[in-house]
Amino acid sequence: MESLLSPQPLHRPERSPHRPAAPQHRPATETRPARRPESTLVTPGPLASFVRFVVCGGGVGVLASLAVPLLALTMPWAVANAAITVASTLLCTELHALFTFGTGRRPGLRRHLQSAGSATAAYVVTCAAMFLLHTVQSSPSLLWEQTVYLTASGLAGTGRFLVLRLFVFATDRNREPAAPKPVAALRPTKTTDDWNLPFVRTEAFAG
């Protein structure tokens, strides 16, 4: 009878040697640090861009004036002039995007069309200036023609430079890297360790 009334020792199950490690709690959200760009593009200032614009435009213009007579030997002069004009305009747009304004990328079709439109507008301005000169004076001197043509070309070129810098290539120059977005970290699921709960063995006592 005493053996029945004496307290029995509590039996606890042995812990498994392969007990999983306790999960580590991490914050709900983590923000990845912003990566520094490998190569930072240095955008030239207005004066440097204008000098590059004049150098590129003038250099391509000289090459085009030399190429037209050579190409005219194999085809009509009007066709050769049109082909060289298109090629020189495409080359100028590439140089302006990569060198003059420092966008770091080649221009797409839209920027090629915009650049060609600005070149066409400049050509119309110079033609209109010469037409106005011949309207005012029936037979102007060579000095007047050169003065009006150079003045109109300078004004048209300055206007084209402003259009290219402020509108055509403005998006690439003013683009800023996007801020890093917070990345949600995975929360570990809380699991109940059954082996940590006290195991009490109950026995029935006979009275």
N, C-alpha and C. Protein backbone atom coordinates (compact mmCIF):
# COMPACT_ATOMS: atom_id res chain seq x y z
N MET A 1 0.85 -1.21 0.00
CA MET A 1 0.00 0.00 0.00
C MET A 1 0.88 1.24 0.00
N GLU A 2 1.97 1.20 0.75
CA GLU A 2 2.86 2.36 0.80
C GLU A 2 3.48 2.63 -0.55
N SER A 3 3.74 1.55 -1.29
CA SER A 3 4.33 1.75 -2.62
C SER A 3 3.39 2.45 -3.56
N LEU A 4 2.09 2.25 -3.34
CA LEU A 4 1.11 2.92 -4.20
C LEU A 4 0.98 4.38 -3.85
N LEU A 5 1.08 4.71 -2.53
CA LEU A 5 0.90 6.09 -2.11
C LEU A 5 2.17 6.92 -2.24
N SER A 6 3.31 6.26 -2.37
CA SER A 6 4.55 7.03 -2.50
C SER A 6 4.59 7.72 -3.85
N PRO A 7 5.13 8.93 -3.92
CA PRO A 7 5.17 9.67 -5.22
C PRO A 7 6.05 8.97 -6.23
N GLN A 8 5.52 8.85 -7.41
CA GLN A 8 6.26 8.21 -8.49
C GLN A 8 7.13 9.25 -9.20
N PRO A 9 8.31 8.88 -9.62
CA PRO A 9 9.18 9.85 -10.35
C PRO A 9 8.60 10.17 -11.72
N LEU A 10 8.76 11.40 -12.10
CA LEU A 10 8.26 11.85 -13.39
C LEU A 10 9.21 11.39 -14.47
N HIS A 11 8.63 10.84 -15.51
CA HIS A 11 9.43 10.35 -16.62
C HIS A 11 9.36 11.36 -17.76
N ARG A 12 10.48 11.84 -18.15
CA ARG A 12 10.55 12.78 -19.29
C ARG A 12 11.16 12.06 -20.48
N PRO A 13 10.59 12.25 -21.62
CA PRO A 13 11.15 11.59 -22.81
C PRO A 13 12.52 12.18 -23.16
N GLU A 14 13.33 11.34 -23.69
CA GLU A 14 14.65 11.79 -24.10
C GLU A 14 14.55 12.68 -25.33
N ARG A 15 15.39 13.71 -25.34
CA ARG A 15 15.38 14.62 -26.48
C ARG A 15 16.09 14.00 -27.67
N SER A 16 15.52 14.27 -28.81
CA SER A 16 16.11 13.71 -30.03
C SER A 16 17.41 14.43 -30.35
N PRO A 17 18.43 13.68 -30.77
CA PRO A 17 19.69 14.37 -31.12
C PRO A 17 19.56 15.26 -32.35
N HIS A 18 18.49 15.04 -33.15
CA HIS A 18 18.30 15.83 -34.36
C HIS A 18 17.29 16.94 -34.12
N ARG A 19 17.40 17.60 -33.01
CA ARG A 19 16.46 18.67 -32.69
C ARG A 19 16.73 19.86 -33.59
N PRO A 20 15.70 20.41 -34.21
CA PRO A 20 15.93 21.58 -35.10
C PRO A 20 16.35 22.80 -34.31
N ALA A 21 17.18 23.60 -34.93
CA ALA A 21 17.67 24.82 -34.27
C ALA A 21 16.54 25.82 -34.11
N ALA A 22 16.60 26.57 -33.03
CA ALA A 22 15.56 27.56 -32.77
C ALA A 22 15.60 28.64 -33.84
N PRO A 23 14.43 29.02 -34.36
CA PRO A 23 14.42 30.04 -35.42
C PRO A 23 14.86 31.39 -34.88
N GLN A 24 15.59 32.12 -35.69
CA GLN A 24 16.04 33.46 -35.33
C GLN A 24 15.09 34.48 -35.92
N HIS A 25 14.63 35.37 -35.10
CA HIS A 25 13.67 36.38 -35.52
C HIS A 25 14.42 37.53 -36.19
N ARG A 26 13.94 37.92 -37.35
CA ARG A 26 14.52 39.02 -38.12
C ARG A 26 13.49 40.13 -38.26
N PRO A 27 13.93 41.32 -38.50
CA PRO A 27 12.95 42.41 -38.69
C PRO A 27 12.07 42.15 -39.89
N ALA A 28 10.88 42.72 -39.86
CA ALA A 28 9.89 42.47 -40.91
C ALA A 28 10.37 42.97 -42.25
N THR A 29 11.01 44.10 -42.29
CA THR A 29 11.46 44.68 -43.56
C THR A 29 12.92 45.04 -43.47
N GLU A 30 13.63 44.84 -44.55
CA GLU A 30 15.02 45.21 -44.65
C GLU A 30 15.21 46.05 -45.90
N THR A 31 16.05 47.01 -45.84
CA THR A 31 16.32 47.89 -46.97
C THR A 31 17.71 47.60 -47.50
N ARG A 32 17.77 47.22 -48.75
CA ARG A 32 19.06 46.94 -49.36
C ARG A 32 19.80 48.24 -49.62
N PRO A 33 21.08 48.31 -49.33
CA PRO A 33 21.82 49.55 -49.60
C PRO A 33 21.92 49.80 -51.10
N ALA A 34 21.87 51.06 -51.46
CA ALA A 34 21.93 51.43 -52.88
C ALA A 34 23.31 51.09 -53.43
N ARG A 35 23.29 50.48 -54.61
CA ARG A 35 24.55 50.15 -55.26
C ARG A 35 25.09 51.35 -56.00
N ARG A 36 26.35 51.55 -55.88
CA ARG A 36 26.98 52.65 -56.59
C ARG A 36 27.18 52.26 -58.04
N PRO A 37 26.87 53.16 -58.96
CA PRO A 37 27.10 52.83 -60.37
C PRO A 37 28.56 52.60 -60.64
N GLU A 38 28.81 51.63 -61.53
CA GLU A 38 30.19 51.30 -61.84
C GLU A 38 30.90 52.47 -62.51
N SER A 39 30.21 53.13 -63.42
CA SER A 39 30.82 54.26 -64.11
C SER A 39 29.86 55.43 -64.10
N THR A 40 30.26 56.53 -63.53
CA THR A 40 29.41 57.71 -63.43
C THR A 40 29.64 58.59 -64.65
N LEU A 41 28.54 58.90 -65.36
CA LEU A 41 28.63 59.73 -66.54
C LEU A 41 28.73 61.19 -66.12
N VAL A 42 29.71 61.88 -66.67
CA VAL A 42 29.90 63.30 -66.40
C VAL A 42 29.26 64.09 -67.52
N THR A 43 28.17 64.79 -67.21
CA THR A 43 27.47 65.57 -68.22
C THR A 43 28.17 66.90 -68.42
N PRO A 44 28.56 67.24 -69.64
CA PRO A 44 29.25 68.52 -69.86
C PRO A 44 28.31 69.69 -69.63
N GLY A 45 28.88 70.83 -69.27
CA GLY A 45 28.09 72.03 -69.05
C GLY A 45 27.63 72.65 -70.35
N PRO A 46 26.86 73.74 -70.26
CA PRO A 46 26.35 74.38 -71.48
C PRO A 46 27.44 74.86 -72.42
N LEU A 47 28.48 75.48 -71.87
CA LEU A 47 29.55 76.00 -72.74
C LEU A 47 30.32 74.87 -73.41
N ALA A 48 30.67 73.84 -72.62
CA ALA A 48 31.39 72.70 -73.20
C ALA A 48 30.54 71.98 -74.23
N SER A 49 29.25 71.86 -73.96
CA SER A 49 28.35 71.21 -74.93
C SER A 49 28.26 72.02 -76.22
N PHE A 50 28.22 73.35 -76.10
CA PHE A 50 28.13 74.18 -77.30
C PHE A 50 29.40 74.08 -78.14
N VAL A 51 30.57 74.05 -77.47
CA VAL A 51 31.83 73.89 -78.21
C VAL A 51 31.86 72.55 -78.93
N ARG A 52 31.43 71.50 -78.25
CA ARG A 52 31.38 70.18 -78.90
C ARG A 52 30.37 70.16 -80.03
N PHE A 53 29.27 70.86 -79.84
CA PHE A 53 28.25 70.93 -80.89
C PHE A 53 28.81 71.59 -82.15
N VAL A 54 29.55 72.68 -81.97
CA VAL A 54 30.13 73.38 -83.12
C VAL A 54 31.19 72.52 -83.79
N VAL A 55 32.03 71.87 -82.99
CA VAL A 55 33.09 71.04 -83.56
C VAL A 55 32.51 69.86 -84.34
N CYS A 56 31.56 69.18 -83.74
CA CYS A 56 30.96 68.01 -84.42
C CYS A 56 30.20 68.44 -85.67
N GLY A 57 29.36 69.47 -85.53
CA GLY A 57 28.59 69.92 -86.68
C GLY A 57 29.46 70.46 -87.79
N GLY A 58 30.47 71.26 -87.43
CA GLY A 58 31.35 71.82 -88.45
C GLY A 58 32.21 70.76 -89.11
N GLY A 59 32.72 69.81 -88.31
CA GLY A 59 33.54 68.76 -88.89
C GLY A 59 32.77 67.87 -89.84
N VAL A 60 31.56 67.48 -89.43
CA VAL A 60 30.74 66.65 -90.31
C VAL A 60 30.32 67.44 -91.54
N GLY A 61 30.07 68.74 -91.40
CA GLY A 61 29.70 69.56 -92.56
C GLY A 61 30.82 69.65 -93.59
N VAL A 62 32.07 69.79 -93.10
CA VAL A 62 33.20 69.83 -94.03
C VAL A 62 33.36 68.50 -94.76
N LEU A 63 33.25 67.40 -94.02
CA LEU A 63 33.34 66.08 -94.66
C LEU A 63 32.23 65.86 -95.67
N ALA A 64 31.03 66.34 -95.34
CA ALA A 64 29.91 66.18 -96.27
C ALA A 64 30.13 66.99 -97.55
N SER A 65 30.67 68.21 -97.41
CA SER A 65 30.92 69.04 -98.59
C SER A 65 31.97 68.42 -99.51
N LEU A 66 32.90 67.65 -98.92
CA LEU A 66 33.90 66.97 -99.73
C LEU A 66 33.37 65.68 -100.34
N ALA A 67 32.42 65.05 -99.67
CA ALA A 67 31.91 63.77 -100.15
C ALA A 67 30.89 63.93 -101.27
N VAL A 68 30.16 65.05 -101.29
CA VAL A 68 29.13 65.23 -102.31
C VAL A 68 29.71 65.23 -103.73
N PRO A 69 30.76 66.00 -104.03
CA PRO A 69 31.29 65.96 -105.40
C PRO A 69 31.82 64.59 -105.81
N LEU A 70 32.42 63.88 -104.86
CA LEU A 70 32.92 62.55 -105.18
C LEU A 70 31.79 61.58 -105.48
N LEU A 71 30.74 61.64 -104.67
CA LEU A 71 29.60 60.76 -104.91
C LEU A 71 28.83 61.14 -106.16
N ALA A 72 28.88 62.43 -106.52
CA ALA A 72 28.17 62.89 -107.72
C ALA A 72 28.79 62.36 -109.01
N LEU A 73 29.98 61.79 -108.93
CA LEU A 73 30.58 61.21 -110.12
C LEU A 73 29.90 59.91 -110.54
N THR A 74 29.21 59.28 -109.62
CA THR A 74 28.56 58.00 -109.91
C THR A 74 27.05 58.10 -110.00
N MET A 75 26.47 59.26 -109.66
CA MET A 75 25.01 59.42 -109.66
C MET A 75 24.69 60.90 -109.85
N PRO A 76 23.43 61.23 -110.11
CA PRO A 76 23.06 62.64 -110.25
C PRO A 76 23.40 63.43 -108.98
N TRP A 77 23.71 64.73 -109.20
CA TRP A 77 24.15 65.57 -108.07
C TRP A 77 23.05 65.70 -107.01
N ALA A 78 21.80 65.82 -107.43
CA ALA A 78 20.70 65.98 -106.45
C ALA A 78 20.58 64.74 -105.57
N VAL A 79 20.72 63.56 -106.16
CA VAL A 79 20.63 62.31 -105.39
C VAL A 79 21.82 62.20 -104.43
N ALA A 80 23.01 62.54 -104.91
CA ALA A 80 24.20 62.48 -104.06
C ALA A 80 24.09 63.46 -102.90
N ASN A 81 23.59 64.65 -103.17
CA ASN A 81 23.44 65.65 -102.10
C ASN A 81 22.44 65.18 -101.06
N ALA A 82 21.32 64.59 -101.51
CA ALA A 82 20.32 64.10 -100.56
C ALA A 82 20.86 62.95 -99.71
N ALA A 83 21.60 62.03 -100.34
CA ALA A 83 22.15 60.88 -99.60
C ALA A 83 23.17 61.34 -98.57
N ILE A 84 24.05 62.26 -98.95
CA ILE A 84 25.05 62.75 -98.01
C ILE A 84 24.40 63.55 -96.89
N THR A 85 23.34 64.29 -97.21
CA THR A 85 22.65 65.06 -96.17
C THR A 85 22.03 64.15 -95.12
N VAL A 86 21.39 63.06 -95.57
CA VAL A 86 20.79 62.12 -94.63
C VAL A 86 21.86 61.44 -93.79
N ALA A 87 22.95 61.00 -94.45
CA ALA A 87 24.02 60.31 -93.71
C ALA A 87 24.70 61.24 -92.70
N SER A 88 24.94 62.49 -93.11
CA SER A 88 25.60 63.43 -92.19
C SER A 88 24.69 63.78 -91.01
N THR A 89 23.38 63.86 -91.26
CA THR A 89 22.45 64.14 -90.16
C THR A 89 22.42 63.00 -89.15
N LEU A 90 22.41 61.76 -89.64
CA LEU A 90 22.44 60.60 -88.74
C LEU A 90 23.74 60.56 -87.94
N LEU A 91 24.86 60.86 -88.62
CA LEU A 91 26.14 60.84 -87.92
C LEU A 91 26.21 61.94 -86.86
N CYS A 92 25.70 63.11 -87.18
CA CYS A 92 25.69 64.21 -86.20
C CYS A 92 24.85 63.86 -84.98
N THR A 93 23.71 63.23 -85.19
CA THR A 93 22.86 62.85 -84.06
C THR A 93 23.56 61.85 -83.16
N GLU A 94 24.27 60.89 -83.75
CA GLU A 94 25.02 59.93 -82.94
C GLU A 94 26.11 60.64 -82.13
N LEU A 95 26.83 61.55 -82.78
CA LEU A 95 27.90 62.27 -82.07
C LEU A 95 27.35 63.17 -80.97
N HIS A 96 26.23 63.81 -81.24
CA HIS A 96 25.63 64.69 -80.23
C HIS A 96 25.16 63.89 -79.02
N ALA A 97 24.61 62.71 -79.24
CA ALA A 97 24.11 61.91 -78.12
C ALA A 97 25.26 61.36 -77.28
N LEU A 98 26.31 60.86 -77.93
CA LEU A 98 27.40 60.21 -77.20
C LEU A 98 28.47 61.17 -76.72
N PHE A 99 28.72 62.23 -77.48
CA PHE A 99 29.85 63.11 -77.17
C PHE A 99 29.41 64.51 -76.73
N THR A 100 28.55 65.14 -77.52
CA THR A 100 28.19 66.54 -77.23
C THR A 100 27.46 66.67 -75.91
N PHE A 101 26.43 65.86 -75.69
CA PHE A 101 25.61 65.97 -74.49
C PHE A 101 25.88 64.86 -73.48
N GLY A 102 26.72 63.90 -73.82
CA GLY A 102 27.15 62.89 -72.87
C GLY A 102 26.03 62.06 -72.28
N THR A 103 25.11 61.58 -73.12
CA THR A 103 24.01 60.77 -72.60
C THR A 103 24.46 59.35 -72.25
N GLY A 104 25.55 58.88 -72.87
CA GLY A 104 26.02 57.54 -72.56
C GLY A 104 25.29 56.43 -73.29
N ARG A 105 24.40 56.76 -74.19
CA ARG A 105 23.66 55.75 -74.94
C ARG A 105 23.35 56.26 -76.33
N ARG A 106 23.19 55.35 -77.26
CA ARG A 106 22.90 55.75 -78.63
C ARG A 106 21.46 56.22 -78.74
N PRO A 107 21.20 57.19 -79.62
CA PRO A 107 19.83 57.69 -79.75
C PRO A 107 18.95 56.68 -80.48
N GLY A 108 17.69 56.67 -80.10
CA GLY A 108 16.72 55.81 -80.77
C GLY A 108 16.10 56.49 -81.98
N LEU A 109 15.08 55.84 -82.52
CA LEU A 109 14.43 56.36 -83.71
C LEU A 109 13.76 57.71 -83.43
N ARG A 110 13.14 57.84 -82.28
CA ARG A 110 12.44 59.10 -81.96
C ARG A 110 13.41 60.27 -81.90
N ARG A 111 14.56 60.07 -81.29
CA ARG A 111 15.53 61.16 -81.20
C ARG A 111 16.17 61.45 -82.55
N HIS A 112 16.33 60.44 -83.38
CA HIS A 112 16.82 60.69 -84.73
C HIS A 112 15.82 61.56 -85.51
N LEU A 113 14.54 61.27 -85.37
CA LEU A 113 13.53 62.06 -86.07
C LEU A 113 13.48 63.49 -85.53
N GLN A 114 13.58 63.63 -84.21
CA GLN A 114 13.57 64.98 -83.63
C GLN A 114 14.78 65.78 -84.07
N SER A 115 15.94 65.13 -84.09
CA SER A 115 17.15 65.83 -84.54
C SER A 115 17.04 66.22 -86.01
N ALA A 116 16.51 65.33 -86.83
CA ALA A 116 16.33 65.65 -88.25
C ALA A 116 15.33 66.79 -88.43
N GLY A 117 14.30 66.82 -87.59
CA GLY A 117 13.35 67.92 -87.65
C GLY A 117 13.97 69.25 -87.31
N SER A 118 14.84 69.27 -86.29
CA SER A 118 15.51 70.52 -85.93
C SER A 118 16.48 70.96 -87.03
N ALA A 119 17.14 70.00 -87.68
CA ALA A 119 18.03 70.35 -88.79
C ALA A 119 17.25 70.90 -89.97
N THR A 120 16.08 70.33 -90.23
CA THR A 120 15.23 70.84 -91.32
C THR A 120 14.76 72.25 -91.02
N ALA A 121 14.40 72.50 -89.75
CA ALA A 121 13.96 73.85 -89.38
C ALA A 121 15.10 74.86 -89.55
N ALA A 122 16.31 74.48 -89.20
CA ALA A 122 17.46 75.38 -89.38
C ALA A 122 17.70 75.65 -90.86
N TYR A 123 17.55 74.64 -91.68
CA TYR A 123 17.73 74.82 -93.12
C TYR A 123 16.66 75.77 -93.69
N VAL A 124 15.43 75.64 -93.21
CA VAL A 124 14.35 76.52 -93.67
C VAL A 124 14.63 77.97 -93.26
N VAL A 125 15.20 78.17 -92.06
CA VAL A 125 15.49 79.53 -91.60
C VAL A 125 16.54 80.19 -92.49
N THR A 126 17.59 79.46 -92.84
CA THR A 126 18.64 80.04 -93.71
C THR A 126 18.10 80.33 -95.11
N CYS A 127 17.27 79.43 -95.63
CA CYS A 127 16.68 79.67 -96.96
C CYS A 127 15.75 80.88 -96.94
N ALA A 128 14.98 81.01 -95.85
CA ALA A 128 14.08 82.16 -95.74
C ALA A 128 14.87 83.46 -95.63
N ALA A 129 16.00 83.44 -94.92
CA ALA A 129 16.82 84.64 -94.81
C ALA A 129 17.38 85.05 -96.17
N MET A 130 17.86 84.10 -96.94
CA MET A 130 18.40 84.42 -98.27
C MET A 130 17.29 84.88 -99.22
N PHE A 131 16.12 84.29 -99.11
CA PHE A 131 15.00 84.73 -99.95
C PHE A 131 14.59 86.15 -99.60
N LEU A 132 14.58 86.46 -98.31
CA LEU A 132 14.24 87.82 -97.89
C LEU A 132 15.27 88.82 -98.38
N LEU A 133 16.55 88.44 -98.37
CA LEU A 133 17.60 89.33 -98.86
C LEU A 133 17.40 89.64 -100.34
N HIS A 134 17.13 88.63 -101.13
CA HIS A 134 16.94 88.86 -102.56
C HIS A 134 15.62 89.57 -102.85
N THR A 135 14.69 89.53 -101.92
CA THR A 135 13.45 90.27 -102.11
C THR A 135 13.69 91.76 -101.86
N VAL A 136 14.51 92.06 -100.83
CA VAL A 136 14.80 93.45 -100.52
C VAL A 136 15.73 94.06 -101.57
N GLN A 137 16.78 93.33 -101.95
CA GLN A 137 17.73 93.80 -102.95
C GLN A 137 17.73 92.82 -104.13
N SER A 138 17.49 93.33 -105.29
CA SER A 138 17.41 92.46 -106.47
C SER A 138 18.76 91.82 -106.80
N SER A 139 19.84 92.56 -106.62
CA SER A 139 21.18 92.02 -106.89
C SER A 139 22.12 92.39 -105.75
N PRO A 140 22.04 91.66 -104.61
CA PRO A 140 22.91 92.00 -103.48
C PRO A 140 24.37 91.61 -103.77
N SER A 141 25.25 92.25 -103.09
CA SER A 141 26.67 91.95 -103.26
C SER A 141 27.03 90.64 -102.56
N LEU A 142 28.20 90.16 -102.90
CA LEU A 142 28.65 88.91 -102.27
C LEU A 142 28.86 89.08 -100.77
N LEU A 143 29.30 90.28 -100.36
CA LEU A 143 29.50 90.52 -98.94
C LEU A 143 28.18 90.43 -98.18
N TRP A 144 27.11 91.03 -98.76
CA TRP A 144 25.81 90.96 -98.13
C TRP A 144 25.29 89.51 -98.05
N GLU A 145 25.48 88.78 -99.10
CA GLU A 145 25.00 87.40 -99.10
C GLU A 145 25.73 86.56 -98.03
N GLN A 146 27.03 86.74 -97.97
CA GLN A 146 27.78 86.00 -96.96
C GLN A 146 27.40 86.42 -95.54
N THR A 147 27.20 87.72 -95.36
CA THR A 147 26.84 88.21 -94.03
C THR A 147 25.48 87.67 -93.59
N VAL A 148 24.50 87.75 -94.48
CA VAL A 148 23.15 87.27 -94.14
C VAL A 148 23.14 85.76 -93.93
N TYR A 149 23.86 85.05 -94.79
CA TYR A 149 23.86 83.59 -94.67
C TYR A 149 24.54 83.13 -93.38
N LEU A 150 25.69 83.72 -93.05
CA LEU A 150 26.39 83.33 -91.83
C LEU A 150 25.59 83.70 -90.58
N THR A 151 24.95 84.89 -90.63
CA THR A 151 24.13 85.30 -89.47
C THR A 151 22.95 84.37 -89.27
N ALA A 152 22.26 84.06 -90.37
CA ALA A 152 21.12 83.15 -90.27
C ALA A 152 21.55 81.75 -89.84
N SER A 153 22.69 81.29 -90.35
CA SER A 153 23.19 79.98 -89.96
C SER A 153 23.57 79.94 -88.48
N GLY A 154 24.19 81.04 -88.00
CA GLY A 154 24.54 81.09 -86.58
C GLY A 154 23.32 81.08 -85.68
N LEU A 155 22.30 81.87 -86.02
CA LEU A 155 21.08 81.90 -85.22
C LEU A 155 20.34 80.56 -85.28
N ALA A 156 20.28 79.97 -86.48
CA ALA A 156 19.61 78.68 -86.62
C ALA A 156 20.37 77.59 -85.87
N GLY A 157 21.70 77.64 -85.93
CA GLY A 157 22.49 76.65 -85.20
C GLY A 157 22.34 76.77 -83.69
N THR A 158 22.30 78.01 -83.20
CA THR A 158 22.10 78.22 -81.76
C THR A 158 20.73 77.72 -81.32
N GLY A 159 19.72 78.00 -82.13
CA GLY A 159 18.38 77.50 -81.81
C GLY A 159 18.31 75.99 -81.82
N ARG A 160 18.99 75.38 -82.79
CA ARG A 160 19.01 73.91 -82.84
C ARG A 160 19.74 73.33 -81.64
N PHE A 161 20.81 73.98 -81.22
CA PHE A 161 21.53 73.52 -80.03
C PHE A 161 20.62 73.55 -78.80
N LEU A 162 19.87 74.62 -78.63
CA LEU A 162 18.97 74.72 -77.48
C LEU A 162 17.87 73.66 -77.55
N VAL A 163 17.36 73.40 -78.74
CA VAL A 163 16.32 72.37 -78.88
C VAL A 163 16.87 71.00 -78.52
N LEU A 164 18.06 70.70 -79.00
CA LEU A 164 18.65 69.39 -78.70
C LEU A 164 18.96 69.24 -77.22
N ARG A 165 19.48 70.27 -76.61
CA ARG A 165 19.88 70.17 -75.20
C ARG A 165 18.69 70.16 -74.26
N LEU A 166 17.69 70.99 -74.53
CA LEU A 166 16.58 71.15 -73.59
C LEU A 166 15.43 70.19 -73.82
N PHE A 167 15.32 69.64 -75.04
CA PHE A 167 14.17 68.79 -75.35
C PHE A 167 14.56 67.40 -75.83
N VAL A 168 15.41 67.33 -76.84
CA VAL A 168 15.68 66.02 -77.46
C VAL A 168 16.46 65.12 -76.51
N PHE A 169 17.54 65.64 -75.91
CA PHE A 169 18.38 64.83 -75.03
C PHE A 169 18.23 65.20 -73.57
N ALA A 170 17.16 65.90 -73.22
CA ALA A 170 16.98 66.33 -71.82
C ALA A 170 16.65 65.16 -70.92
N THR A 171 15.89 64.16 -71.42
CA THR A 171 15.47 63.04 -70.57
C THR A 171 16.66 62.23 -70.10
N ASP A 172 17.61 61.93 -70.97
CA ASP A 172 18.77 61.15 -70.60
C ASP A 172 19.67 61.90 -69.64
N ARG A 173 19.78 63.20 -69.79
CA ARG A 173 20.70 63.96 -68.93
C ARG A 173 20.15 64.12 -67.53
N ASN A 174 18.81 64.25 -67.40
CA ASN A 174 18.23 64.52 -66.09
C ASN A 174 17.75 63.27 -65.40
N ARG A 175 18.04 62.12 -65.97
CA ARG A 175 17.58 60.90 -65.34
C ARG A 175 18.40 60.61 -64.12
N GLU A 176 17.72 60.27 -62.98
CA GLU A 176 18.38 59.96 -61.73
C GLU A 176 18.11 58.51 -61.38
N PRO A 177 19.06 57.87 -60.73
CA PRO A 177 18.83 56.48 -60.35
C PRO A 177 17.68 56.37 -59.36
N ALA A 178 16.87 55.36 -59.53
CA ALA A 178 15.71 55.16 -58.68
C ALA A 178 16.16 54.75 -57.28
N ALA A 179 15.40 55.21 -56.28
CA ALA A 179 15.73 54.88 -54.89
C ALA A 179 15.47 53.40 -54.65
N PRO A 180 16.27 52.76 -53.81
CA PRO A 180 16.06 51.33 -53.56
C PRO A 180 14.76 51.09 -52.83
N LYS A 181 14.06 50.07 -53.25
CA LYS A 181 12.79 49.73 -52.64
C LYS A 181 13.02 48.77 -51.48
N PRO A 182 12.27 48.92 -50.38
CA PRO A 182 12.42 47.98 -49.26
C PRO A 182 11.97 46.59 -49.65
N VAL A 183 12.79 45.62 -49.29
CA VAL A 183 12.48 44.23 -49.61
C VAL A 183 12.01 43.55 -48.35
N ALA A 184 10.85 42.93 -48.42
CA ALA A 184 10.28 42.26 -47.26
C ALA A 184 11.04 40.98 -46.99
N ALA A 185 11.50 40.82 -45.76
CA ALA A 185 12.22 39.62 -45.38
C ALA A 185 11.24 38.53 -44.98
N LEU A 186 11.65 37.31 -45.15
CA LEU A 186 10.80 36.19 -44.81
C LEU A 186 10.78 36.01 -43.30
N ARG A 187 9.59 35.97 -42.76
CA ARG A 187 9.44 35.73 -41.34
C ARG A 187 9.41 34.23 -41.07
N PRO A 188 10.24 33.74 -40.17
CA PRO A 188 10.18 32.31 -39.87
C PRO A 188 8.90 31.96 -39.13
N THR A 189 8.31 30.86 -39.50
CA THR A 189 7.09 30.41 -38.84
C THR A 189 7.42 29.85 -37.47
N LYS A 190 6.64 30.23 -36.52
CA LYS A 190 6.86 29.76 -35.16
C LYS A 190 6.33 28.34 -35.02
N THR A 191 7.18 27.45 -34.60
CA THR A 191 6.80 26.06 -34.41
C THR A 191 6.84 25.73 -32.93
N THR A 192 5.93 24.96 -32.50
CA THR A 192 5.85 24.57 -31.08
C THR A 192 6.70 23.35 -30.85
N ASP A 193 7.64 23.46 -29.99
CA ASP A 193 8.50 22.34 -29.66
C ASP A 193 7.81 21.49 -28.59
N ASP A 194 7.29 20.37 -29.04
CA ASP A 194 6.55 19.53 -28.10
C ASP A 194 7.43 18.96 -27.01
N TRP A 195 8.76 18.88 -27.32
CA TRP A 195 9.64 18.26 -26.32
C TRP A 195 9.93 19.21 -25.17
N ASN A 196 9.64 20.49 -25.35
CA ASN A 196 9.89 21.43 -24.25
C ASN A 196 8.73 21.49 -23.25
N LEU A 197 7.59 20.96 -23.62
CA LEU A 197 6.46 21.00 -22.70
C LEU A 197 6.65 19.96 -21.60
N PRO A 198 6.31 20.27 -20.36
CA PRO A 198 6.46 19.28 -19.27
C PRO A 198 5.50 18.12 -19.47
N PHE A 199 6.06 16.97 -19.37
CA PHE A 199 5.25 15.76 -19.54
C PHE A 199 5.01 15.17 -18.17
N VAL A 200 3.76 15.12 -17.79
CA VAL A 200 3.39 14.64 -16.47
C VAL A 200 2.63 13.33 -16.63
N ARG A 201 3.07 12.40 -15.99
CA ARG A 201 2.43 11.11 -16.06
C ARG A 201 1.48 10.94 -14.87
N THR A 202 0.31 10.74 -15.19
CA THR A 202 -0.72 10.56 -14.14
C THR A 202 -1.01 9.07 -13.99
N GLU A 203 -1.22 8.70 -12.80
CA GLU A 203 -1.56 7.31 -12.50
C GLU A 203 -2.78 7.28 -11.58
N ALA A 204 -3.48 6.26 -11.72
CA ALA A 204 -4.68 6.08 -10.88
C ALA A 204 -4.28 5.34 -9.60
N PHE A 205 -4.74 5.88 -8.58
CA PHE A 205 -4.46 5.26 -7.30
C PHE A 205 -5.69 4.48 -6.83
N ALA A 206 -5.44 3.34 -6.35
CA ALA A 206 -6.52 2.52 -5.81
C ALA A 206 -6.68 2.81 -4.33
N GLY A 207 -7.81 3.17 -3.87
CA GLY A 207 -8.01 3.52 -2.48
C GLY A 207 -8.65 2.39 -1.72
